[in-house]
Protein backbone atom coordinates (compact mmCIF):
# COMPACT_ATOMS: atom_id res chain seq x y z
CA MET A 1 -0.12 -0.05 0.14
CA ALA A 2 1.59 3.25 -0.98
CA VAL A 3 1.54 5.98 2.02
CA THR A 4 -0.03 9.20 0.66
CA PHE A 5 0.34 11.06 4.08
CA LYS A 6 3.74 13.18 3.24
CA PHE A 7 5.49 16.52 4.24
CA TYR A 8 5.13 19.23 1.48
CA LYS A 9 6.70 22.47 0.84
CA ASP A 10 3.57 24.11 -0.25
CA SER A 11 0.05 24.65 1.35
CA GLY A 12 -1.68 22.93 -1.69
CA LEU A 13 0.22 19.80 -0.97
CA THR A 14 1.80 19.79 -4.53
CA GLN A 15 5.43 20.07 -3.70
CA PRO A 16 6.90 17.15 -1.92
CA PHE A 17 9.57 17.60 0.73
CA VAL A 18 12.14 14.69 -0.06
CA PRO A 19 14.25 13.82 2.71
CA GLY A 20 17.95 13.48 1.30
CA ASN A 21 17.23 15.54 -1.31
CA ASP A 22 15.52 18.44 0.11
CA TYR A 23 16.99 20.23 3.00
CA ILE A 24 16.49 22.43 6.11
CA GLY A 25 18.11 25.77 5.43
CA PRO A 26 20.15 27.19 4.43
CA VAL A 27 20.37 28.89 7.69
CA THR A 28 22.41 32.08 8.55
CA THR A 29 23.06 33.66 11.98
CA PRO A 30 20.85 34.99 13.52
CA PRO A 31 17.96 31.77 13.84
CA ASP A 32 15.93 31.35 10.78
CA ASP A 33 12.31 30.66 11.78
CA SER A 34 10.76 31.24 8.41
CA LEU A 35 10.69 27.65 7.38
CA VAL A 36 7.08 25.81 7.02
CA LEU A 37 6.26 22.16 5.98
CA TYR A 38 2.89 20.86 5.70
CA LEU A 39 1.91 17.18 6.76
CA GLY A 40 -0.91 15.74 4.78
CA SER A 41 -2.57 13.86 1.84
CA THR A 42 -4.43 14.88 -1.22
CA ASP A 43 -6.59 11.51 -0.88
CA ALA A 44 -9.42 12.37 1.03
CA THR A 45 -10.23 8.87 1.97
CA LYS A 46 -7.28 8.52 4.14
CA LYS A 47 -6.53 9.34 7.47
CA LEU A 48 -3.09 9.25 9.68
CA GLN A 49 -3.31 8.18 13.33
CA ALA A 50 -0.26 7.18 15.90
CA THR A 51 1.09 3.63 15.48
CA THR A 52 0.48 3.03 19.24
CA SER A 53 -2.84 3.28 20.26
CA PRO A 54 -4.30 4.81 17.14
CA GLY A 55 -6.79 7.62 17.59
CA THR A 56 -6.21 8.42 21.07
CA ASN A 57 -2.33 8.96 21.03
CA PRO A 58 -1.06 12.21 19.22
CA VAL A 59 0.59 11.92 15.88
CA GLN A 60 4.04 12.86 16.54
CA VAL A 61 6.54 14.47 14.58
CA THR A 62 10.35 14.13 15.33
CA ILE A 63 13.62 15.61 13.92
CA ALA A 64 16.09 13.40 12.72
CA ASP A 65 19.53 13.43 11.85
CA ALA A 66 21.07 10.86 9.53
CA ASP A 67 24.81 12.13 9.76
CA ILE A 68 25.55 13.57 13.18
CA GLY A 69 28.16 15.98 13.63
CA ASN A 70 28.01 17.15 9.99
CA ASP A 71 26.52 20.75 9.85
CA LEU A 72 22.82 21.00 11.73
CA GLU A 73 22.01 18.99 14.74
CA THR A 74 18.73 18.02 15.60
CA THR A 75 19.38 20.38 18.76
CA ASP A 76 19.54 23.15 16.16
CA VAL A 77 15.90 22.66 15.35
CA THR A 78 12.60 23.65 16.77
CA ILE A 79 9.56 22.80 15.35
CA SER A 80 5.99 23.94 16.28
CA ASP A 81 2.14 23.82 15.22
CA SER A 82 2.01 27.64 15.52
CA TYR A 83 4.45 30.57 14.54
CA ALA A 84 4.11 32.00 18.25
CA GLY A 85 5.09 28.38 19.34
CA LEU A 86 8.32 28.48 18.10
CA SER A 87 9.43 30.82 20.89
CA THR A 88 8.59 28.27 23.56
CA ALA A 89 9.10 24.91 22.18
CA THR A 90 12.31 23.21 23.13
CA ALA A 91 14.82 22.52 20.24
CA GLY A 92 15.34 19.17 19.01
CA ALA A 93 11.78 18.04 20.88
CA ALA A 94 9.09 15.89 19.49
CA LEU A 95 5.72 17.80 18.04
CA ASP A 96 2.75 16.32 19.41
CA LEU A 97 -0.08 16.74 16.47
CA PRO A 98 -3.71 15.62 17.01
CA ALA A 99 -4.61 11.86 17.29
CA THR A 100 -6.30 11.59 13.79
CA ILE A 101 -5.15 14.05 10.69
CA LEU A 102 -7.90 13.74 7.76
CA GLY A 103 -6.57 13.58 4.44
CA GLY A 104 -8.00 16.21 1.87
CA VAL A 105 -5.56 19.53 1.59
CA ALA A 106 -7.94 21.44 3.56
CA ASN A 107 -7.05 19.21 6.84
CA LYS A 108 -3.39 19.40 6.45
CA ALA A 109 -1.34 20.16 9.59
CA THR A 110 1.00 23.03 9.45
CA ILE A 111 4.75 22.66 10.67
CA TYR A 112 6.77 25.81 11.93
CA ILE A 113 10.30 25.43 12.08
CA LYS A 114 12.98 27.42 13.25
CA VAL A 115 16.83 26.99 13.11
CA ASP A 116 19.43 28.35 15.05
CA PHE A 117 22.58 26.93 13.86
CA ALA A 118 24.67 26.88 17.16
CA ALA A 119 28.18 26.60 15.47
CA GLY A 120 27.13 30.28 13.43
CA GLY A 121 27.84 31.08 9.94
CA ILE A 122 25.82 29.49 6.97
CA ALA A 123 24.28 25.71 7.03
CA SER A 124 22.36 23.93 5.08
CA ASP A 125 22.21 20.11 5.78
CA VAL A 126 19.99 17.55 3.50
CA ASN A 127 20.71 15.17 6.37
CA VAL A 128 18.58 17.01 9.09
CA THR A 129 14.82 16.05 8.05
CA LEU A 130 11.36 15.25 9.97
CA ASN A 131 9.59 12.10 10.51
CA VAL A 132 6.16 10.96 11.26
CA SER A 133 5.16 8.26 13.56
CA GLY A 134 1.79 7.09 12.21
CA ASP A 135 -0.27 4.86 10.26
CA GLU A 136 -2.55 5.69 7.26
CA TYR A 137 -6.12 3.88 7.54
CA ALA A 138 -9.10 4.23 5.52
CA VAL A 139 -11.44 6.74 6.87
């Protein structure tokens, strides 16, 4: 079964974010808090729920780094479901979304991203990405 829930670079869910190809950044000093990704599916017959206790536990987005020690680290990235939430969220921490995210463009989850490259300078890293812990079901 093909998974239809993905991260997208646009609110219309037409430009998939491809981990390992697309990157979070480039980022300069001071921190960049203008990055946004969208989690959703264009298939309105699908829903996304947590892998453990589906429909009860929140769908969780985590920050992953496939090449630790190279450019950005997970602790350089903060994620939130609101722009204002970036100021209080913990860098490197997971983001809890609702227990069910329905398919369809109108039901997408918006994820705000702030990158504060601790080492300073300019950084972009295809190895730092977001993962979602959830399974897709028919509505």
